[in-house]
Amino acid sequence: MNPVLYIVIPCYNEEEVLPITAPMFLEKIRSLTEKGKISENSRVLFVNDGSKDKTWEIIQNLSKQDEHYRGICLSRNRGHQNALLAGLMEAKDKCDITISIDCDGQDDINAMDQMVDEYLNGCDIVYGVRSSRKKDSFFKRTTAQGFYKLMAAMGVETVYNHADYRLISSRALKEFANFKEVNIFLRGMIPLVGFKSTSVYYERNERLAGKSHYPLRKMLALAFDGITSLSVKPIRLITAFGTIVAFLSFVGIIWSVVIAIIGKSVAGWASLTSILCFLGGVQLMSLGIIGEYVGKIYLETKQRPRFIVSERTYNEDENGEK
């Protein structure tokens, strides 16, 4: 029996590109069905992440035009990671496999064929990985590669040059549903599930329409969230650095006492001010990093829902056919 596939697509203010890419996703469903790789009950699931434009209206119209289109609307904007999670959790009991992909058309949709093949060969997770970054600007390429290297240096397990284009089986998703943290970084959390996995490689295209919703500011925020959500290495680095500074300070105290005893001490306002400023800066930076962890603990203890679905284009009790 062929597996039921749900293509999960988070959308935020995508009214320009959605009419272009939606038919592409539908055509891919039909193509995979005709090749006998997936069930005809497969669907395209859009997740409206509190868009302020006509994105949800477009999704509703698409759902009326073809039964293969489905959509859910979150009660407010929750960010890309939470919107993607909402779609995956919505789909996990309705399908055998999901493929998550962005709405902008940059990820090569034809890589889905190989992803499904790898699933049929026994893989529960298949990562879509960029084969190169030749089309990126020097700044974009440098910052993106620095992002993955930083994550690796901080001990966060990620797949290099992989974003959120991936296939996950329903079996893996059901286990992933047991991860209850509020601060989520899917690129680092999915590998923690385990199961057999592999990667497929593809060339990334230019955005088909509209503008990117992931500027440098959001990339930096995502990196920081990923590090503080999945690694305690920054706190350990603070501890190590604090130990080194404390040791050097102890040596400095002994040195100053010796100099004072032999009568060669000289008033040094500049050196004293520099040392105080340095130590004060280190302490404030350390407190800030520790504060980030405390803040995340605070949010986790509240156990607030990570997303709330306000509308669906289909009956909530409709579980689909597998």
Protein backbone atom coordinates (compact mmCIF):
# COMPACT_ATOMS: atom_id res chain seq x y z
CA MET A 1 0.00 0.00 0.00
CA ASN A 2 1.43 3.36 -1.02
CA PRO A 3 2.18 5.84 1.79
CA VAL A 4 0.05 8.94 2.35
CA LEU A 5 2.17 12.08 2.00
CA TYR A 6 1.43 15.50 3.49
CA ILE A 7 3.52 18.40 2.19
CA VAL A 8 3.59 20.87 5.11
CA ILE A 9 4.16 24.51 4.17
CA PRO A 10 4.33 27.37 6.74
CA CYS A 11 3.16 30.68 5.28
CA TYR A 12 3.57 34.24 6.52
CA ASN A 13 2.50 37.13 4.26
CA GLU A 14 2.95 35.04 1.10
CA GLU A 15 0.14 36.44 -1.05
CA GLU A 16 2.58 37.20 -3.89
CA VAL A 17 4.28 33.83 -4.16
CA LEU A 18 1.53 31.43 -3.02
CA PRO A 19 -0.49 31.53 -6.29
CA ILE A 20 2.74 30.58 -8.11
CA THR A 21 4.02 27.80 -5.87
CA ALA A 22 0.71 26.19 -4.80
CA PRO A 23 0.12 24.63 -8.27
CA MET A 24 3.72 23.36 -8.19
CA PHE A 25 3.10 21.49 -4.93
CA LEU A 26 -0.16 20.07 -6.27
CA GLU A 27 1.53 18.93 -9.47
CA LYS A 28 4.22 17.19 -7.42
CA ILE A 29 1.54 15.31 -5.44
CA ARG A 30 -0.08 14.20 -8.69
CA SER A 31 3.25 13.24 -10.25
CA LEU A 32 4.28 11.09 -7.28
CA THR A 33 0.82 9.50 -7.26
CA GLU A 34 1.00 8.66 -10.98
CA LYS A 35 4.44 7.08 -10.44
CA GLY A 36 2.91 4.83 -7.79
CA LYS A 37 5.11 6.19 -5.00
CA ILE A 38 2.41 7.75 -2.80
CA SER A 39 -1.32 7.36 -2.16
CA GLU A 40 -3.93 9.44 -3.95
CA ASN A 41 -5.07 10.54 -0.47
CA SER A 42 -1.93 12.65 -0.13
CA ARG A 43 -2.40 16.36 0.56
CA VAL A 44 -0.77 19.79 0.53
CA LEU A 45 -1.15 21.37 3.99
CA PHE A 46 -0.63 25.13 4.32
CA VAL A 47 -0.12 26.69 7.76
CA ASN A 48 -1.06 30.37 7.93
CA ASP A 49 1.16 31.91 10.61
CA GLY A 50 -1.00 34.93 11.44
CA SER A 51 -0.43 36.63 8.08
CA LYS A 52 -1.51 40.24 7.72
CA ASP A 53 -2.19 40.06 3.99
CA LYS A 54 -4.51 37.82 1.94
CA THR A 55 -2.56 34.60 2.50
CA TRP A 56 -5.34 32.86 4.46
CA GLU A 57 -7.97 33.95 1.94
CA ILE A 58 -5.88 32.43 -0.86
CA ILE A 59 -5.46 29.18 1.10
CA GLN A 60 -9.23 28.99 1.67
CA ASN A 61 -9.90 29.50 -2.05
CA LEU A 62 -7.35 26.87 -3.02
CA SER A 63 -9.02 24.38 -0.66
CA LYS A 64 -12.36 24.99 -2.36
CA GLN A 65 -10.85 24.47 -5.81
CA ASP A 66 -9.14 21.12 -5.12
CA GLU A 67 -9.52 18.59 -2.30
CA HIS A 68 -5.77 18.01 -2.25
CA TYR A 69 -5.27 21.46 -0.71
CA ARG A 70 -5.77 21.87 3.02
CA GLY A 71 -5.06 24.72 5.38
CA ILE A 72 -4.92 25.61 9.05
CA CYS A 73 -4.73 29.11 10.47
CA LEU A 74 -2.94 29.93 13.71
CA SER A 75 -4.64 32.34 16.11
CA ARG A 76 -1.67 34.72 15.86
CA ASN A 77 1.83 34.91 14.47
CA ARG A 78 4.02 32.40 16.33
CA GLY A 79 7.10 32.37 14.11
CA HIS A 80 8.32 29.98 11.45
CA GLN A 81 9.40 27.16 13.77
CA ASN A 82 6.11 27.04 15.70
CA ALA A 83 4.08 27.28 12.49
CA LEU A 84 6.01 24.38 11.00
CA LEU A 85 5.57 22.39 14.20
CA ALA A 86 1.81 23.06 14.10
CA GLY A 87 1.61 21.66 10.59
CA LEU A 88 3.62 18.57 11.47
CA MET A 89 1.52 17.84 14.55
CA GLU A 90 -1.66 18.38 12.53
CA ALA A 91 -0.51 15.92 9.87
CA LYS A 92 1.14 13.18 11.94
CA ASP A 93 -2.05 11.16 12.52
CA LYS A 94 -3.37 11.66 8.99
CA CYS A 95 -0.44 10.43 6.94
CA ASP A 96 2.53 8.09 6.73
CA ILE A 97 5.12 10.71 5.81
CA THR A 98 5.44 14.49 5.78
CA ILE A 99 7.73 16.71 3.77
CA SER A 100 8.20 20.22 5.14
CA ILE A 101 9.19 22.96 2.71
CA ASP A 102 9.05 26.75 2.54
CA CYS A 103 6.47 28.50 0.39
CA ASP A 104 8.90 30.64 -1.62
CA GLY A 105 9.89 28.02 -4.22
CA GLN A 106 13.61 28.24 -3.46
CA ASP A 107 13.96 24.61 -2.40
CA ASP A 108 14.02 22.21 -5.35
CA ILE A 109 10.64 20.52 -5.28
CA ASN A 110 11.93 17.66 -7.45
CA ALA A 111 14.13 16.50 -4.57
CA MET A 112 10.91 15.12 -3.05
CA ASP A 113 11.08 12.16 -5.43
CA GLN A 114 14.41 11.05 -4.00
CA MET A 115 13.19 11.74 -0.45
CA VAL A 116 10.24 9.39 -0.95
CA ASP A 117 12.55 6.79 -2.51
CA GLU A 118 14.79 6.93 0.57
CA TYR A 119 11.73 6.49 2.81
CA LEU A 120 10.65 3.45 0.79
CA ASN A 121 14.19 2.13 1.29
CA GLY A 122 13.75 2.28 5.06
CA CYS A 123 14.68 5.81 6.20
CA ASP A 124 12.39 7.59 8.67
CA ILE A 125 14.06 10.99 8.26
CA VAL A 126 15.50 12.41 5.04
CA TYR A 127 17.25 15.79 5.16
CA GLY A 128 17.25 18.11 2.17
CA VAL A 129 20.76 19.57 2.00
CA ARG A 130 22.03 22.33 -0.27
CA SER A 131 24.81 21.04 -2.51
CA SER A 132 26.39 24.50 -2.81
CA ARG A 133 25.87 28.18 -2.04
CA LYS A 134 27.19 29.59 -5.31
CA LYS A 135 24.04 31.64 -5.88
CA ASP A 136 24.28 33.38 -2.50
CA SER A 137 25.97 36.72 -2.03
CA PHE A 138 29.33 36.70 -0.25
CA PHE A 139 27.70 38.12 2.90
CA LYS A 140 24.82 35.62 2.88
CA ARG A 141 27.14 32.69 2.21
CA THR A 142 29.61 33.71 4.90
CA THR A 143 26.99 34.34 7.59
CA ALA A 144 25.06 31.14 6.77
CA GLN A 145 28.15 28.95 6.90
CA GLY A 146 29.25 30.72 10.06
CA PHE A 147 25.82 29.93 11.53
CA TYR A 148 26.26 26.17 11.07
CA LYS A 149 29.86 26.22 12.29
CA LEU A 150 28.84 28.18 15.38
CA MET A 151 26.07 25.71 16.14
CA ALA A 152 28.51 22.82 15.81
CA ALA A 153 31.07 24.56 18.03
CA MET A 154 28.40 25.04 20.70
CA GLY A 155 27.56 21.34 20.66
CA VAL A 156 24.23 21.59 18.81
CA GLU A 157 23.73 18.61 16.49
CA THR A 158 22.64 19.86 13.08
CA VAL A 159 23.02 18.78 9.45
CA TYR A 160 25.35 21.20 7.65
CA ASN A 161 23.58 23.35 5.03
CA HIS A 162 20.20 21.88 5.94
CA ALA A 163 17.34 24.21 6.86
CA ASP A 164 13.79 22.84 7.26
CA TYR A 165 13.33 20.96 4.01
CA ARG A 166 12.99 17.36 5.18
CA LEU A 167 10.92 14.21 5.11
CA ILE A 168 9.79 12.74 8.43
CA SER A 169 7.77 9.57 8.87
CA SER A 170 4.69 9.56 11.08
CA ARG A 171 6.50 7.10 13.36
CA ALA A 172 9.28 9.62 13.97
CA LEU A 173 6.77 12.45 14.37
CA LYS A 174 4.83 10.59 17.03
CA GLU A 175 8.03 10.21 19.02
CA PHE A 176 8.92 13.84 18.38
CA ALA A 177 5.55 14.85 19.84
CA ASN A 178 6.97 13.80 23.22
CA PHE A 179 9.38 16.75 23.07
CA LYS A 180 7.44 19.29 25.10
CA GLU A 181 9.79 22.28 25.25
CA VAL A 182 8.43 25.70 24.34
CA ASN A 183 11.70 27.05 22.94
CA ILE A 184 12.07 25.02 19.77
CA PHE A 185 14.80 24.78 17.15
CA LEU A 186 13.69 22.01 14.81
CA ARG A 187 17.00 21.72 12.95
CA GLY A 188 18.67 20.72 16.19
CA MET A 189 15.77 18.78 17.71
CA ILE A 190 14.88 16.43 14.85
CA PRO A 191 18.28 14.65 14.93
CA LEU A 192 17.67 13.89 18.61
CA VAL A 193 14.72 11.66 17.68
CA GLY A 194 17.03 9.08 16.15
CA PHE A 195 15.79 6.44 13.66
CA LYS A 196 17.47 5.75 10.34
CA SER A 197 18.20 8.91 8.39
CA THR A 198 19.98 10.10 5.27
CA SER A 199 20.37 13.23 3.13
CA VAL A 200 19.53 14.22 -0.43
CA TYR A 201 21.31 17.10 -2.14
CA TYR A 202 19.87 19.81 -4.35
CA GLU A 203 20.58 23.27 -5.79
CA ARG A 204 18.59 26.10 -4.25
CA ASN A 205 16.82 28.56 -6.55
CA GLU A 206 16.02 32.24 -6.31
CA ARG A 207 12.81 33.23 -4.55
CA LEU A 208 10.00 33.18 -7.13
CA ALA A 209 8.15 36.23 -5.79
CA GLY A 210 7.78 38.42 -2.73
CA LYS A 211 10.57 39.09 -0.26
CA SER A 212 12.41 37.01 2.30
CA HIS A 213 11.06 36.94 5.85
CA TYR A 214 14.40 35.80 7.27
CA PRO A 215 16.79 38.77 7.40
CA LEU A 216 20.10 38.68 9.28
CA ARG A 217 18.40 39.79 12.50
CA LYS A 218 16.10 36.76 12.50
CA MET A 219 18.95 34.44 11.53
CA LEU A 220 20.97 35.65 14.52
CA ALA A 221 17.94 35.26 16.79
CA LEU A 222 17.39 31.73 15.47
CA ALA A 223 21.03 30.84 16.09
CA PHE A 224 20.91 32.20 19.62
CA ASP A 225 17.65 30.36 20.35
CA GLY A 226 19.13 27.16 18.98
CA ILE A 227 22.26 27.44 21.10
CA THR A 228 20.52 28.34 24.36
CA SER A 229 17.75 25.77 23.82
CA LEU A 230 19.99 22.83 23.03
CA SER A 231 23.39 23.52 24.58
CA VAL A 232 24.82 24.53 27.96
CA LYS A 233 28.24 25.11 26.45
CA PRO A 234 28.04 28.94 26.74
CA ILE A 235 27.62 28.64 30.52
CA ARG A 236 30.53 26.21 30.67
CA LEU A 237 32.64 28.65 28.67
CA ILE A 238 31.72 31.40 31.15
CA THR A 239 32.78 29.11 33.99
CA ALA A 240 36.10 28.34 32.31
CA PHE A 241 36.72 31.98 31.46
CA GLY A 242 35.79 33.05 34.99
CA THR A 243 38.22 30.51 36.41
CA ILE A 244 41.03 31.86 34.22
CA VAL A 245 40.25 35.47 35.17
CA ALA A 246 40.08 34.53 38.87
CA PHE A 247 43.46 32.81 38.63
CA LEU A 248 45.05 35.78 36.87
CA SER A 249 43.49 38.12 39.44
CA PHE A 250 44.96 36.02 42.25
CA VAL A 251 48.38 36.22 40.60
CA GLY A 252 47.92 39.97 40.23
CA ILE A 253 47.10 40.34 43.93
CA ILE A 254 50.25 38.47 44.92
CA TRP A 255 52.28 40.59 42.51
CA SER A 256 50.83 43.86 43.85
CA VAL A 257 51.48 42.83 47.47
CA VAL A 258 55.09 41.94 46.63
CA ILE A 259 55.62 45.24 44.83
CA ALA A 260 54.11 47.15 47.77
CA ILE A 261 56.36 45.34 50.27
CA ILE A 262 59.56 46.15 48.39
CA GLY A 263 58.44 49.75 48.03
CA LYS A 264 58.26 49.98 44.25
CA SER A 265 54.51 50.54 43.86
CA VAL A 266 53.42 53.43 41.63
CA ALA A 267 49.92 54.90 41.46
CA GLY A 268 48.29 53.63 38.26
CA TRP A 269 44.89 55.16 37.69
CA ALA A 270 44.67 54.15 34.02
CA SER A 271 45.58 50.50 34.61
CA LEU A 272 43.20 50.23 37.54
CA THR A 273 40.32 51.75 35.54
CA SER A 274 41.00 49.45 32.60
CA ILE A 275 40.94 46.37 34.80
CA LEU A 276 37.71 47.43 36.51
CA CYS A 277 36.01 48.16 33.19
CA PHE A 278 37.15 44.83 31.79
CA LEU A 279 35.90 42.85 34.76
CA GLY A 280 32.65 44.82 34.87
CA GLY A 281 32.03 44.10 31.18
CA VAL A 282 32.76 40.40 31.59
CA GLN A 283 30.42 40.17 34.57
CA LEU A 284 27.55 41.92 32.78
CA MET A 285 27.98 39.79 29.66
CA SER A 286 28.06 36.63 31.76
CA LEU A 287 24.96 37.68 33.67
CA GLY A 288 23.21 38.39 30.36
CA ILE A 289 23.93 34.91 29.00
CA ILE A 290 22.90 33.26 32.27
CA GLY A 291 19.78 35.45 32.22
CA GLU A 292 18.85 34.06 28.80
CA TYR A 293 18.91 30.55 30.23
CA VAL A 294 16.91 31.62 33.27
CA GLY A 295 14.37 33.29 30.96
CA LYS A 296 14.01 30.11 28.93
CA ILE A 297 13.51 28.09 32.12
CA TYR A 298 10.82 30.61 33.12
CA LEU A 299 9.00 30.16 29.81
CA GLU A 300 9.29 26.37 29.96
CA THR A 301 7.77 26.19 33.46
CA LYS A 302 4.68 28.08 32.26
CA GLN A 303 3.94 25.26 29.78
CA ARG A 304 1.98 27.56 27.51
CA PRO A 305 0.82 26.08 24.18
CA ARG A 306 3.32 26.51 21.39
CA PHE A 307 0.55 27.29 18.91
CA ILE A 308 -3.24 27.56 18.74
CA VAL A 309 -5.17 26.62 15.60
CA SER A 310 -8.08 29.00 15.11
CA GLU A 311 -9.45 27.79 11.75
CA ARG A 312 -9.26 24.85 9.36
CA THR A 313 -10.38 24.48 5.79
CA TYR A 314 -11.65 20.98 6.58
CA ASN A 315 -13.51 19.14 9.32
CA GLU A 316 -11.31 18.78 12.42
CA ASP A 317 -12.53 15.21 12.93
CA GLU A 318 -11.54 14.22 9.42
CA ASN A 319 -8.54 11.97 9.90
CA GLY A 320 -8.02 11.07 6.28
CA GLU A 321 -7.43 7.63 4.82
CA LYS A 322 -4.16 5.73 5.02
